[in-house]
Amino acid sequence: MNLDVRIKKILRDFTLNVEFSVRDEVFAFLGASGAGKSMTLKIIAGIETPDEGRIILNGRTLFDSAKKINLPPQARRVGYLFQNCALFPNMTVAENISFAASGTASEKILKLKKNLSRFKLEGLENSYPHELSGGQVQRVALARILASHAQLLLLDEPFSALDSHLKWQLELELAEVFKIYGVTILVSHDRDEVFRLADKVAVINVGKIEAFGSKHEIFRQPPTVAAALLTGCQNISAAKKIADDKIFAEDWQLTLTVKKIPDDLKFIGIRACDLKQTSAAGENIFLLKVSRVIEDTNSFIVLFENHIHAEVDKSLNSTFPIPNSSLYICLPADKIILLRG
């Protein structure tokens, strides 16, 4: 299974201009609201039309502006889960799922039963969408897609209306389903969800892909500020190279030792969990004053006066950090993220 996308569409605030290829994998878009994630899915599904470009799914051309090919949504064999789910309001749960199912009458019944069980919808077969909770509506929409003959799954925030327990169960189930489809595109604001489910990740910002690669590459070394923020790095500072192995972090007022500093460096970052408390000064170790401590479920969030914050695991640190105290904090050189902009 493979999908090749190269599209351009002029929008009100920016031009969406993306190009990517996916091969037998789960591919996730990370981006702020309004960055172009959902519009990209709508274009692939045929709901929106790009100004130019092409979309090829498993050798079939879904769209090609040069050849004037533009298959309608129903001919694309693409299953698209909308953010609002878009169930047929005048159909029951069973009718919504069966409507999309392919095959003989007996095969449709089998698919219906399988997906009712998969998404914990037994007993709701004769209910209408307005009688369901938000989570139930979303589960019906997922069941309808998986009962169809789609070659490609497009999931736009698929777990947004689910409680944490059901979300976890569905993640486990869908992870197995994704293996059957080969290619799935996922849009999510939950970076942990993306990391668990995706193979490749693209960070999209104002209509352009800023970073593209394996999830491990993108999360370990995001190349831009947008990519760093979206993958959970909240300590970001403007920075400048002052020597071959020295950086001055302007927002933190710290001079740091780092190897292989690019000349076009503009920012640096470090994840809160990568800051380490130590007992004495040394390379990249600084005495920082605590301004505030927030107790989270499994950790302490320690805010320092120089605008850095650290996340301290409760299980590893029994002592509660005290505001106005000072701690020696290490910013390990190998954990510092070098960013272009």
C-alpha atoms as a PDB file:
ATOM      1  CA  MET A   1       0.000   0.000   0.000  1.00  0.00           C
ATOM      2  CA  ASN A   2       1.316   3.454  -0.832  1.00  0.00           C
ATOM      3  CA  LEU A   3       0.124   7.021  -1.074  1.00  0.00           C
ATOM      4  CA  ASP A   4       1.852   9.889  -2.893  1.00  0.00           C
ATOM      5  CA  VAL A   5       0.603  13.431  -2.302  1.00  0.00           C
ATOM      6  CA  ARG A   6       1.747  16.705  -3.833  1.00  0.00           C
ATOM      7  CA  ILE A   7      -0.845  19.448  -3.495  1.00  0.00           C
ATOM      8  CA  LYS A   8      -1.166  23.222  -3.417  1.00  0.00           C
ATOM      9  CA  LYS A   9      -4.240  25.213  -2.426  1.00  0.00           C
ATOM     10  CA  ILE A  10      -4.543  28.942  -1.788  1.00  0.00           C
ATOM     11  CA  LEU A  11      -6.436  29.568   1.441  1.00  0.00           C
ATOM     12  CA  ARG A  12      -7.555  32.796   3.065  1.00  0.00           C
ATOM     13  CA  ASP A  13      -4.597  33.163   5.448  1.00  0.00           C
ATOM     14  CA  PHE A  14      -1.867  31.139   3.720  1.00  0.00           C
ATOM     15  CA  THR A  15      -1.133  28.738   0.890  1.00  0.00           C
ATOM     16  CA  LEU A  16      -1.271  25.042   1.719  1.00  0.00           C
ATOM     17  CA  ASN A  17       1.709  23.470  -0.039  1.00  0.00           C
ATOM     18  CA  VAL A  18       2.541  19.929   1.061  1.00  0.00           C
ATOM     19  CA  GLU A  19       4.325  16.952  -0.458  1.00  0.00           C
ATOM     20  CA  PHE A  20       4.831  13.528   1.119  1.00  0.00           C
ATOM     21  CA  SER A  21       4.832   9.789   0.427  1.00  0.00           C
ATOM     22  CA  VAL A  22       3.642   7.037   2.761  1.00  0.00           C
ATOM     23  CA  ARG A  23       4.382   3.324   2.372  1.00  0.00           C
ATOM     24  CA  ASP A  24       2.663   0.669   4.530  1.00  0.00           C
ATOM     25  CA  GLU A  25       2.731   2.759   7.695  1.00  0.00           C
ATOM     26  CA  VAL A  26       0.769   5.015  10.008  1.00  0.00           C
ATOM     27  CA  PHE A  27       1.544   8.642   9.246  1.00  0.00           C
ATOM     28  CA  ALA A  28       0.595  11.445  11.650  1.00  0.00           C
ATOM     29  CA  PHE A  29       0.257  15.196  11.235  1.00  0.00           C
ATOM     30  CA  LEU A  30       1.138  17.381  14.204  1.00  0.00           C
ATOM     31  CA  GLY A  31       0.330  21.070  14.015  1.00  0.00           C
ATOM     32  CA  ALA A  32      -1.422  23.946  15.685  1.00  0.00           C
ATOM     33  CA  SER A  33      -5.103  24.623  14.997  1.00  0.00           C
ATOM     34  CA  GLY A  34      -5.539  26.112  11.541  1.00  0.00           C
ATOM     35  CA  ALA A  35      -2.157  24.901  10.256  1.00  0.00           C
ATOM     36  CA  GLY A  36      -3.668  22.921   7.368  1.00  0.00           C
ATOM     37  CA  LYS A  37      -3.924  19.397   8.808  1.00  0.00           C
ATOM     38  CA  SER A  38      -7.651  18.839   8.335  1.00  0.00           C
ATOM     39  CA  MET A  39      -7.667  20.585   4.948  1.00  0.00           C
ATOM     40  CA  THR A  40      -5.006  18.144   3.746  1.00  0.00           C
ATOM     41  CA  LEU A  41      -7.217  15.197   4.755  1.00  0.00           C
ATOM     42  CA  LYS A  42     -10.263  16.732   3.044  1.00  0.00           C
ATOM     43  CA  ILE A  43      -8.297  17.178  -0.177  1.00  0.00           C
ATOM     44  CA  ILE A  44      -7.110  13.559  -0.131  1.00  0.00           C
ATOM     45  CA  ALA A  45     -10.687  12.396   0.492  1.00  0.00           C
ATOM     46  CA  GLY A  46     -11.994  14.524  -2.397  1.00  0.00           C
ATOM     47  CA  ILE A  47     -14.147  16.809  -0.248  1.00  0.00           C
ATOM     48  CA  GLU A  48     -11.974  19.810  -1.147  1.00  0.00           C
ATOM     49  CA  THR A  49     -10.149  20.378  -4.439  1.00  0.00           C
ATOM     50  CA  PRO A  50      -6.567  21.675  -4.583  1.00  0.00           C
ATOM     51  CA  ASP A  51      -5.522  24.328  -7.076  1.00  0.00           C
ATOM     52  CA  GLU A  52      -2.803  22.071  -8.432  1.00  0.00           C
ATOM     53  CA  GLY A  53      -0.936  18.854  -7.772  1.00  0.00           C
ATOM     54  CA  ARG A  54      -1.614  15.136  -7.759  1.00  0.00           C
ATOM     55  CA  ILE A  55      -2.719  12.347  -5.412  1.00  0.00           C
ATOM     56  CA  ILE A  56      -1.952   8.704  -6.207  1.00  0.00           C
ATOM     57  CA  LEU A  57      -3.174   5.808  -4.055  1.00  0.00           C
ATOM     58  CA  ASN A  58      -1.821   2.335  -4.804  1.00  0.00           C
ATOM     59  CA  GLY A  59      -1.168   3.306  -8.425  1.00  0.00           C
ATOM     60  CA  ARG A  60      -4.634   4.830  -8.909  1.00  0.00           C
ATOM     61  CA  THR A  61      -4.715   8.540  -9.683  1.00  0.00           C
ATOM     62  CA  LEU A  62      -7.267  10.218  -7.436  1.00  0.00           C
ATOM     63  CA  PHE A  63      -6.379  13.727  -8.524  1.00  0.00           C
ATOM     64  CA  ASP A  64      -4.087  15.225 -11.161  1.00  0.00           C
ATOM     65  CA  SER A  65      -4.517  18.857 -12.119  1.00  0.00           C
ATOM     66  CA  ALA A  66      -2.338  18.512 -15.224  1.00  0.00           C
ATOM     67  CA  LYS A  67      -4.355  15.533 -16.536  1.00  0.00           C
ATOM     68  CA  LYS A  68      -7.658  16.989 -15.310  1.00  0.00           C
ATOM     69  CA  ILE A  69      -8.441  13.937 -13.170  1.00  0.00           C
ATOM     70  CA  ASN A  70     -10.536  14.461 -10.042  1.00  0.00           C
ATOM     71  CA  LEU A  71     -12.324  11.353  -8.762  1.00  0.00           C
ATOM     72  CA  PRO A  72     -15.387  12.006  -6.582  1.00  0.00           C
ATOM     73  CA  PRO A  73     -15.156  10.981  -2.909  1.00  0.00           C
ATOM     74  CA  GLN A  74     -17.234   7.817  -3.359  1.00  0.00           C
ATOM     75  CA  ALA A  75     -14.846   6.535  -6.040  1.00  0.00           C
ATOM     76  CA  ARG A  76     -11.634   7.074  -4.077  1.00  0.00           C
ATOM     77  CA  ARG A  77     -12.014   4.189  -1.591  1.00  0.00           C
ATOM     78  CA  VAL A  78     -10.913   6.456   1.235  1.00  0.00           C
ATOM     79  CA  GLY A  79     -12.413   6.179   4.716  1.00  0.00           C
ATOM     80  CA  TYR A  80     -12.524   9.582   6.403  1.00  0.00           C
ATOM     81  CA  LEU A  81     -13.476  10.151  10.040  1.00  0.00           C
ATOM     82  CA  PHE A  82     -14.594  13.777  10.387  1.00  0.00           C
ATOM     83  CA  GLN A  83     -14.091  15.687  13.613  1.00  0.00           C
ATOM     84  CA  ASN A  84     -17.891  15.944  13.876  1.00  0.00           C
ATOM     85  CA  CYS A  85     -18.285  12.271  12.788  1.00  0.00           C
ATOM     86  CA  ALA A  86     -21.069  13.109  10.240  1.00  0.00           C
ATOM     87  CA  LEU A  87     -23.395  10.175  10.886  1.00  0.00           C
ATOM     88  CA  PHE A  88     -26.670   9.971   8.970  1.00  0.00           C
ATOM     89  CA  PRO A  89     -29.190  11.389  11.498  1.00  0.00           C
ATOM     90  CA  ASN A  90     -32.164   9.475  10.065  1.00  0.00           C
ATOM     91  CA  MET A  91     -30.384   6.085  10.281  1.00  0.00           C
ATOM     92  CA  THR A  92     -29.899   3.841  13.282  1.00  0.00           C
ATOM     93  CA  VAL A  93     -26.485   2.726  14.484  1.00  0.00           C
ATOM     94  CA  ALA A  94     -26.840  -0.550  12.578  1.00  0.00           C
ATOM     95  CA  GLU A  95     -28.002   1.230   9.426  1.00  0.00           C
ATOM     96  CA  ASN A  96     -25.133   3.724   9.558  1.00  0.00           C
ATOM     97  CA  ILE A  97     -22.572   0.931   9.798  1.00  0.00           C
ATOM     98  CA  SER A  98     -24.262  -1.347   7.251  1.00  0.00           C
ATOM     99  CA  PHE A  99     -24.621   1.500   4.739  1.00  0.00           C
ATOM    100  CA  ALA A 100     -20.841   1.627   4.313  1.00  0.00           C
ATOM    101  CA  ALA A 101     -20.244  -2.124   4.415  1.00  0.00           C
ATOM    102  CA  SER A 102     -19.266  -3.909   1.227  1.00  0.00           C
ATOM    103  CA  GLY A 103     -19.881  -7.516   0.161  1.00  0.00           C
ATOM    104  CA  THR A 104     -22.860  -9.856   0.112  1.00  0.00           C
ATOM    105  CA  ALA A 105     -25.778  -9.579   2.545  1.00  0.00           C
ATOM    106  CA  SER A 106     -24.244 -12.206   4.844  1.00  0.00           C
ATOM    107  CA  GLU A 107     -20.832 -10.508   4.673  1.00  0.00           C
ATOM    108  CA  LYS A 108     -22.417  -7.171   5.606  1.00  0.00           C
ATOM    109  CA  ILE A 109     -24.134  -8.765   8.616  1.00  0.00           C
ATOM    110  CA  LEU A 110     -20.812 -10.287   9.711  1.00  0.00           C
ATOM    111  CA  LYS A 111     -19.045  -6.912   9.404  1.00  0.00           C
ATOM    112  CA  LEU A 112     -21.820  -5.231  11.352  1.00  0.00           C
ATOM    113  CA  LYS A 113     -21.607  -7.728  14.225  1.00  0.00           C
ATOM    114  CA  LYS A 114     -17.813  -7.577  14.276  1.00  0.00           C
ATOM    115  CA  ASN A 115     -17.687  -3.801  14.489  1.00  0.00           C
ATOM    116  CA  LEU A 116     -20.521  -3.543  17.012  1.00  0.00           C
ATOM    117  CA  SER A 117     -18.468  -5.817  19.259  1.00  0.00           C
ATOM    118  CA  ARG A 118     -15.136  -4.107  18.487  1.00  0.00           C
ATOM    119  CA  PHE A 119     -16.430  -0.691  19.515  1.00  0.00           C
ATOM    120  CA  LYS A 120     -18.615  -1.828  22.441  1.00  0.00           C
ATOM    121  CA  LEU A 121     -21.846  -0.846  20.693  1.00  0.00           C
ATOM    122  CA  GLU A 122     -23.954  -3.941  21.376  1.00  0.00           C
ATOM    123  CA  GLY A 123     -27.437  -2.952  22.495  1.00  0.00           C
ATOM    124  CA  LEU A 124     -27.338   0.327  20.586  1.00  0.00           C
ATOM    125  CA  GLU A 125     -28.094  -1.137  17.155  1.00  0.00           C
ATOM    126  CA  ASN A 126     -31.536   0.520  16.942  1.00  0.00           C
ATOM    127  CA  SER A 127     -30.532   3.857  18.468  1.00  0.00           C
ATOM    128  CA  TYR A 128     -30.319   7.048  16.412  1.00  0.00           C
ATOM    129  CA  PRO A 129     -27.329   9.453  16.536  1.00  0.00           C
ATOM    130  CA  HIS A 130     -29.216  12.070  18.597  1.00  0.00           C
ATOM    131  CA  GLU A 131     -29.784   9.422  21.293  1.00  0.00           C
ATOM    132  CA  LEU A 132     -26.057   8.698  21.698  1.00  0.00           C
ATOM    133  CA  SER A 133     -23.322  10.320  23.763  1.00  0.00           C
ATOM    134  CA  GLY A 134     -20.451  12.070  21.995  1.00  0.00           C
ATOM    135  CA  GLY A 135     -18.168   9.104  22.601  1.00  0.00           C
ATOM    136  CA  GLN A 136     -20.735   6.645  21.255  1.00  0.00           C
ATOM    137  CA  VAL A 137     -21.205   8.739  18.106  1.00  0.00           C
ATOM    138  CA  GLN A 138     -17.459   8.701  17.512  1.00  0.00           C
ATOM    139  CA  ARG A 139     -17.297   4.935  17.998  1.00  0.00           C
ATOM    140  CA  VAL A 140     -20.126   4.424  15.494  1.00  0.00           C
ATOM    141  CA  ALA A 141     -18.258   6.592  12.973  1.00  0.00           C
ATOM    142  CA  LEU A 142     -15.116   4.494  13.441  1.00  0.00           C
ATOM    143  CA  ALA A 143     -17.139   1.291  13.069  1.00  0.00           C
ATOM    144  CA  ARG A 144     -18.693   2.594   9.836  1.00  0.00           C
ATOM    145  CA  ILE A 145     -15.280   3.327   8.333  1.00  0.00           C
ATOM    146  CA  LEU A 146     -13.850  -0.071   9.232  1.00  0.00           C
ATOM    147  CA  ALA A 147     -16.897  -1.815   7.748  1.00  0.00           C
ATOM    148  CA  SER A 148     -16.315  -0.103   4.390  1.00  0.00           C
ATOM    149  CA  HIS A 149     -14.068  -1.185   1.544  1.00  0.00           C
ATOM    150  CA  ALA A 150     -11.663   1.716   2.061  1.00  0.00           C
ATOM    151  CA  GLN A 151      -8.017   1.263   1.070  1.00  0.00           C
ATOM    152  CA  LEU A 152      -6.898   4.297   3.065  1.00  0.00           C
ATOM    153  CA  LEU A 153      -7.953   5.525   6.508  1.00  0.00           C
ATOM    154  CA  LEU A 154      -7.994   9.252   7.310  1.00  0.00           C
ATOM    155  CA  LEU A 155      -8.617   9.911  10.995  1.00  0.00           C
ATOM    156  CA  ASP A 156      -9.100  13.486  12.193  1.00  0.00           C
ATOM    157  CA  GLU A 157      -8.812  13.559  16.010  1.00  0.00           C
ATOM    158  CA  PRO A 158     -10.321  10.058  16.329  1.00  0.00           C
ATOM    159  CA  PHE A 159     -10.281   9.881  20.144  1.00  0.00           C
ATOM    160  CA  SER A 160     -11.232  13.447  21.063  1.00  0.00           C
ATOM    161  CA  ALA A 161     -14.642  12.577  22.559  1.00  0.00           C
ATOM    162  CA  LEU A 162     -13.591   9.454  24.464  1.00  0.00           C
ATOM    163  CA  ASP A 163     -12.763   8.984  28.135  1.00  0.00           C
ATOM    164  CA  SER A 164      -9.226   7.844  28.940  1.00  0.00           C
ATOM    165  CA  HIS A 165     -10.124   4.185  29.608  1.00  0.00           C
ATOM    166  CA  LEU A 166     -12.101   3.714  26.383  1.00  0.00           C
ATOM    167  CA  LYS A 167      -9.498   5.687  24.446  1.00  0.00           C
ATOM    168  CA  TRP A 168      -6.794   3.282  25.588  1.00  0.00           C
ATOM    169  CA  GLN A 169      -8.893   0.240  24.614  1.00  0.00           C
ATOM    170  CA  LEU A 170      -9.609   1.662  21.152  1.00  0.00           C
ATOM    171  CA  GLU A 171      -5.963   2.572  20.628  1.00  0.00           C
ATOM    172  CA  LEU A 172      -4.995  -1.044  21.210  1.00  0.00           C
ATOM    173  CA  GLU A 173      -7.713  -2.243  18.831  1.00  0.00           C
ATOM    174  CA  LEU A 174      -6.934   0.282  16.110  1.00  0.00           C
ATOM    175  CA  ALA A 175      -3.205  -0.415  16.286  1.00  0.00           C
ATOM    176  CA  GLU A 176      -4.036  -3.928  15.063  1.00  0.00           C
ATOM    177  CA  VAL A 177      -6.505  -2.629  12.469  1.00  0.00           C
ATOM    178  CA  PHE A 178      -3.870  -0.276  11.042  1.00  0.00           C
ATOM    179  CA  LYS A 179      -1.710  -3.281  10.155  1.00  0.00           C
ATOM    180  CA  ILE A 180      -4.481  -4.560   7.866  1.00  0.00           C
ATOM    181  CA  TYR A 181      -4.919  -1.290   5.992  1.00  0.00           C
ATOM    182  CA  GLY A 182      -1.248  -0.625   5.444  1.00  0.00           C
ATOM    183  CA  VAL A 183      -1.634   3.162   5.121  1.00  0.00           C
ATOM    184  CA  THR A 184      -3.356   5.368   7.686  1.00  0.00           C
ATOM    185  CA  ILE A 185      -3.127   9.132   8.124  1.00  0.00           C
ATOM    186  CA  LEU A 186      -3.840  10.454  11.592  1.00  0.00           C
ATOM    187  CA  VAL A 187      -4.361  14.030  12.769  1.00  0.00           C
ATOM    188  CA  SER A 188      -3.990  14.589  16.485  1.00  0.00           C
ATOM    189  CA  HIS A 189      -3.066  17.267  19.014  1.00  0.00           C
ATOM    190  CA  ASP A 190      -1.992  14.566  21.488  1.00  0.00           C
ATOM    191  CA  ARG A 191       1.734  13.994  20.999  1.00  0.00           C
ATOM    192  CA  ASP A 192       1.719  10.883  23.208  1.00  0.00           C
ATOM    193  CA  GLU A 193      -1.082   9.414  21.111  1.00  0.00           C
ATOM    194  CA  VAL A 194       0.899  10.163  17.956  1.00  0.00           C
ATOM    195  CA  PHE A 195       4.034   8.572  19.376  1.00  0.00           C
ATOM    196  CA  ARG A 196       2.161   5.405  20.362  1.00  0.00           C
ATOM    197  CA  LEU A 197       0.326   4.946  17.060  1.00  0.00           C
ATOM    198  CA  ALA A 198       2.405   6.508  14.265  1.00  0.00           C
ATOM    199  CA  ASP A 199       5.461   5.298  12.384  1.00  0.00           C
ATOM    200  CA  LYS A 200       6.207   8.596  10.659  1.00  0.00           C
ATOM    201  CA  VAL A 201       5.373  12.148  11.705  1.00  0.00           C
ATOM    202  CA  ALA A 202       5.065  15.417   9.811  1.00  0.00           C
ATOM    203  CA  VAL A 203       4.993  18.760  11.608  1.00  0.00           C
ATOM    204  CA  ILE A 204       2.887  21.203   9.597  1.00  0.00           C
ATOM    205  CA  ASN A 205       3.027  24.938  10.245  1.00  0.00           C
ATOM    206  CA  VAL A 206       1.110  27.590   8.281  1.00  0.00           C
ATOM    207  CA  GLY A 207       0.481  25.212   5.389  1.00  0.00           C
ATOM    208  CA  LYS A 208       3.997  23.815   5.022  1.00  0.00           C
ATOM    209  CA  ILE A 209       5.676  20.697   6.358  1.00  0.00           C
ATOM    210  CA  GLU A 210       8.548  21.845   8.584  1.00  0.00           C
ATOM    211  CA  ALA A 211       9.717  18.413   9.682  1.00  0.00           C
ATOM    212  CA  PHE A 212       9.180  14.922   8.301  1.00  0.00           C
ATOM    213  CA  GLY A 213      10.629  11.613   9.435  1.00  0.00           C
ATOM    214  CA  SER A 214      10.325   8.695  11.795  1.00  0.00           C
ATOM    215  CA  LYS A 215       8.658   9.491  15.100  1.00  0.00           C
ATOM    216  CA  HIS A 216      11.920   8.763  16.911  1.00  0.00           C
ATOM    217  CA  GLU A 217      13.837  11.247  14.751  1.00  0.00           C
ATOM    218  CA  ILE A 218      11.239  13.998  15.083  1.00  0.00           C
ATOM    219  CA  PHE A 219      10.815  13.635  18.843  1.00  0.00           C
ATOM    220  CA  ARG A 220      14.540  13.240  19.549  1.00  0.00           C
ATOM    221  CA  GLN A 221      15.801  16.118  17.422  1.00  0.00           C
ATOM    222  CA  PRO A 222      13.014  18.392  16.111  1.00  0.00           C
ATOM    223  CA  PRO A 223      14.553  20.887  13.669  1.00  0.00           C
ATOM    224  CA  THR A 224      12.341  23.946  14.306  1.00  0.00           C
ATOM    225  CA  VAL A 225      10.703  25.752  17.222  1.00  0.00           C
ATOM    226  CA  ALA A 226       7.224  24.687  16.058  1.00  0.00           C
ATOM    227  CA  ALA A 227       8.327  21.058  15.886  1.00  0.00           C
ATOM    228  CA  ALA A 228       9.961  21.259  19.320  1.00  0.00           C
ATOM    229  CA  LEU A 229       6.866  22.772  20.950  1.00  0.00           C
ATOM    230  CA  LEU A 230       4.501  20.271  19.349  1.00  0.00           C
ATOM    231  CA  THR A 231       6.625  17.341  20.509  1.00  0.00           C
ATOM    232  CA  GLY A 232       6.565  18.570  24.099  1.00  0.00           C
ATOM    233  CA  CYS A 233       9.655  20.740  24.531  1.00  0.00           C
ATOM    234  CA  GLN A 234       8.513  23.780  26.525  1.00  0.00           C
ATOM    235  CA  ASN A 235      11.931  25.195  27.445  1.00  0.00           C
ATOM    236  CA  ILE A 236      12.828  27.310  24.399  1.00  0.00           C
ATOM    237  CA  SER A 237      15.301  30.215  24.268  1.00  0.00           C
ATOM    238  CA  ALA A 238      16.673  32.490  21.577  1.00  0.00           C
ATOM    239  CA  ALA A 239      20.354  31.629  21.256  1.00  0.00           C
ATOM    240  CA  LYS A 240      23.530  32.617  19.465  1.00  0.00           C
ATOM    241  CA  LYS A 241      26.783  30.835  18.772  1.00  0.00           C
ATOM    242  CA  ILE A 242      29.658  32.559  20.594  1.00  0.00           C
ATOM    243  CA  ALA A 243      32.391  29.944  20.015  1.00  0.00           C
ATOM    244  CA  ASP A 244      32.837  26.625  18.254  1.00  0.00           C
ATOM    245  CA  ASP A 245      31.428  24.821  21.287  1.00  0.00           C
ATOM    246  CA  LYS A 246      29.622  27.613  23.156  1.00  0.00           C
ATOM    247  CA  ILE A 247      26.082  28.981  22.973  1.00  0.00           C
ATOM    248  CA  PHE A 248      24.567  31.897  24.842  1.00  0.00           C
ATOM    249  CA  ALA A 249      20.872  31.282  25.690  1.00  0.00           C
ATOM    250  CA  GLU A 250      19.484  34.804  25.720  1.00  0.00           C
ATOM    251  CA  ASP A 251      16.171  34.115  27.487  1.00  0.00           C
ATOM    252  CA  TRP A 252      17.818  31.989  30.174  1.00  0.00           C
ATOM    253  CA  GLN A 253      20.989  34.118  30.489  1.00  0.00           C
ATOM    254  CA  LEU A 254      23.155  30.984  30.439  1.00  0.00           C
ATOM    255  CA  THR A 255      26.300  30.063  28.506  1.00  0.00           C
ATOM    256  CA  LEU A 256      26.224  26.412  27.501  1.00  0.00           C
ATOM    257  CA  THR A 257      28.772  24.000  26.059  1.00  0.00           C
ATOM    258  CA  VAL A 258      27.426  22.084  23.052  1.00  0.00           C
ATOM    259  CA  LYS A 259      29.151  20.221  20.224  1.00  0.00           C
ATOM    260  CA  LYS A 260      28.488  20.614  16.479  1.00  0.00           C
ATOM    261  CA  ILE A 261      26.735  23.979  16.625  1.00  0.00           C
ATOM    262  CA  PRO A 262      25.326  25.034  13.225  1.00  0.00           C
ATOM    263  CA  ASP A 263      26.065  28.563  12.015  1.00  0.00           C
ATOM    264  CA  ASP A 264      22.368  29.239  11.347  1.00  0.00           C
ATOM    265  CA  LEU A 265      21.356  28.453  14.942  1.00  0.00           C
ATOM    266  CA  LYS A 266      18.571  30.723  16.212  1.00  0.00           C
ATOM    267  CA  PHE A 267      17.059  28.902  19.193  1.00  0.00           C
ATOM    268  CA  ILE A 268      17.764  26.075  21.576  1.00  0.00           C
ATOM    269  CA  GLY A 269      15.462  23.887  23.623  1.00  0.00           C
ATOM    270  CA  ILE A 270      15.551  21.271  26.333  1.00  0.00           C
ATOM    271  CA  ARG A 271      12.732  19.100  27.623  1.00  0.00           C
ATOM    272  CA  ALA A 272      11.674  19.598  31.243  1.00  0.00           C
ATOM    273  CA  CYS A 273      12.272  15.919  32.003  1.00  0.00           C
ATOM    274  CA  ASP A 274      15.892  16.167  30.767  1.00  0.00           C
ATOM    275  CA  LEU A 275      16.997  18.731  33.348  1.00  0.00           C
ATOM    276  CA  LYS A 276      18.799  16.988  36.206  1.00  0.00           C
ATOM    277  CA  GLN A 277      19.383  18.041  39.784  1.00  0.00           C
ATOM    278  CA  THR A 278      22.963  17.580  40.973  1.00  0.00           C
ATOM    279  CA  SER A 279      25.089  18.496  43.982  1.00  0.00           C
ATOM    280  CA  ALA A 280      27.859  20.757  42.645  1.00  0.00           C
ATOM    281  CA  ALA A 281      28.793  23.153  39.849  1.00  0.00           C
ATOM    282  CA  GLY A 282      30.355  21.924  36.611  1.00  0.00           C
ATOM    283  CA  GLU A 283      29.903  21.980  32.846  1.00  0.00           C
ATOM    284  CA  ASN A 284      26.367  23.120  31.998  1.00  0.00           C
ATOM    285  CA  ILE A 285      25.497  23.052  35.715  1.00  0.00           C
ATOM    286  CA  PHE A 286      24.026  26.198  37.256  1.00  0.00           C
ATOM    287  CA  LEU A 287      22.694  27.271  40.635  1.00  0.00           C
ATOM    288  CA  LEU A 288      19.098  28.268  39.888  1.00  0.00           C
ATOM    289  CA  LYS A 289      16.553  29.835  42.227  1.00  0.00           C
ATOM    290  CA  VAL A 290      13.150  28.143  42.498  1.00  0.00           C
ATOM    291  CA  SER A 291      10.256  30.553  41.949  1.00  0.00           C
ATOM    292  CA  ARG A 292       7.326  28.144  42.069  1.00  0.00           C
ATOM    293  CA  VAL A 293       6.541  24.444  42.496  1.00  0.00           C
ATOM    294  CA  ILE A 294       3.441  22.757  41.047  1.00  0.00           C
ATOM    295  CA  GLU A 295       2.536  19.251  42.177  1.00  0.00           C
ATOM    296  CA  ASP A 296       1.276  17.069  39.335  1.00  0.00           C
ATOM    297  CA  THR A 297      -0.042  13.500  39.552  1.00  0.00           C
ATOM    298  CA  ASN A 298       3.320  11.775  39.243  1.00  0.00           C
ATOM    299  CA  SER A 299       5.793  14.632  39.316  1.00  0.00           C
ATOM    300  CA  PHE A 300       6.735  18.078  40.573  1.00  0.00           C
ATOM    301  CA  ILE A 301       6.905  20.894  38.010  1.00  0.00           C
ATOM    302  CA  VAL A 302       9.685  23.209  39.249  1.00  0.00           C
ATOM    303  CA  LEU A 303       9.761  26.740  37.780  1.00  0.00           C
ATOM    304  CA  PHE A 304      13.034  28.663  38.094  1.00  0.00           C
ATOM    305  CA  GLU A 305      13.500  32.435  38.041  1.00  0.00           C
ATOM    306  CA  ASN A 306      15.362  32.354  34.717  1.00  0.00           C
ATOM    307  CA  HIS A 307      12.218  30.993  32.969  1.00  0.00           C
ATOM    308  CA  ILE A 308      13.378  27.366  32.783  1.00  0.00           C
ATOM    309  CA  HIS A 309      11.236  24.643  34.284  1.00  0.00           C
ATOM    310  CA  ALA A 310      12.023  21.062  35.203  1.00  0.00           C
ATOM    311  CA  GLU A 311       9.834  18.007  35.713  1.00  0.00           C
ATOM    312  CA  VAL A 312      10.881  15.947  38.732  1.00  0.00           C
ATOM    313  CA  ASP A 313       9.632  12.366  39.063  1.00  0.00           C
ATOM    314  CA  LYS A 314       8.011  11.829  42.487  1.00  0.00           C
ATOM    315  CA  SER A 315       9.107   8.197  42.628  1.00  0.00           C
ATOM    316  CA  LEU A 316      12.757   9.247  42.305  1.00  0.00           C
ATOM    317  CA  ASN A 317      12.596  12.340  44.513  1.00  0.00           C
ATOM    318  CA  SER A 318      10.862  12.085  47.879  1.00  0.00           C
ATOM    319  CA  THR A 319      11.758  15.644  48.919  1.00  0.00           C
ATOM    320  CA  PHE A 320       9.475  18.461  47.810  1.00  0.00           C
ATOM    321  CA  PRO A 321      11.388  21.373  46.169  1.00  0.00           C
ATOM    322  CA  ILE A 322      10.944  24.590  48.162  1.00  0.00           C
ATOM    323  CA  PRO A 323      10.175  27.994  46.545  1.00  0.00           C
ATOM    324  CA  ASN A 324      13.002  30.558  46.967  1.00  0.00           C
ATOM    325  CA  SER A 325      15.552  27.782  47.516  1.00  0.00           C
ATOM    326  CA  SER A 326      18.397  27.277  45.042  1.00  0.00           C
ATOM    327  CA  LEU A 327      19.271  24.041  43.275  1.00  0.00           C
ATOM    328  CA  TYR A 328      22.193  22.954  41.117  1.00  0.00           C
ATOM    329  CA  ILE A 329      20.620  22.008  37.784  1.00  0.00           C
ATOM    330  CA  CYS A 330      22.396  20.314  34.874  1.00  0.00           C
ATOM    331  CA  LEU A 331      21.442  20.885  31.229  1.00  0.00           C
ATOM    332  CA  PRO A 332      23.142  17.849  29.620  1.00  0.00           C
ATOM    333  CA  ALA A 333      24.846  18.774  26.354  1.00  0.00           C
ATOM    334  CA  ASP A 334      23.429  15.740  24.562  1.00  0.00           C
ATOM    335  CA  LYS A 335      19.876  16.733  25.539  1.00  0.00           C
ATOM    336  CA  ILE A 336      20.063  20.306  24.194  1.00  0.00           C
ATOM    337  CA  ILE A 337      18.031  20.680  20.995  1.00  0.00           C
ATOM    338  CA  LEU A 338      19.524  22.983  18.344  1.00  0.00           C
ATOM    339  CA  LEU A 339      16.814  24.798  16.384  1.00  0.00           C
ATOM    340  CA  ARG A 340      16.748  26.838  13.184  1.00  0.00           C
ATOM    341  CA  GLY A 341      13.665  28.903  13.863  1.00  0.00           C
END
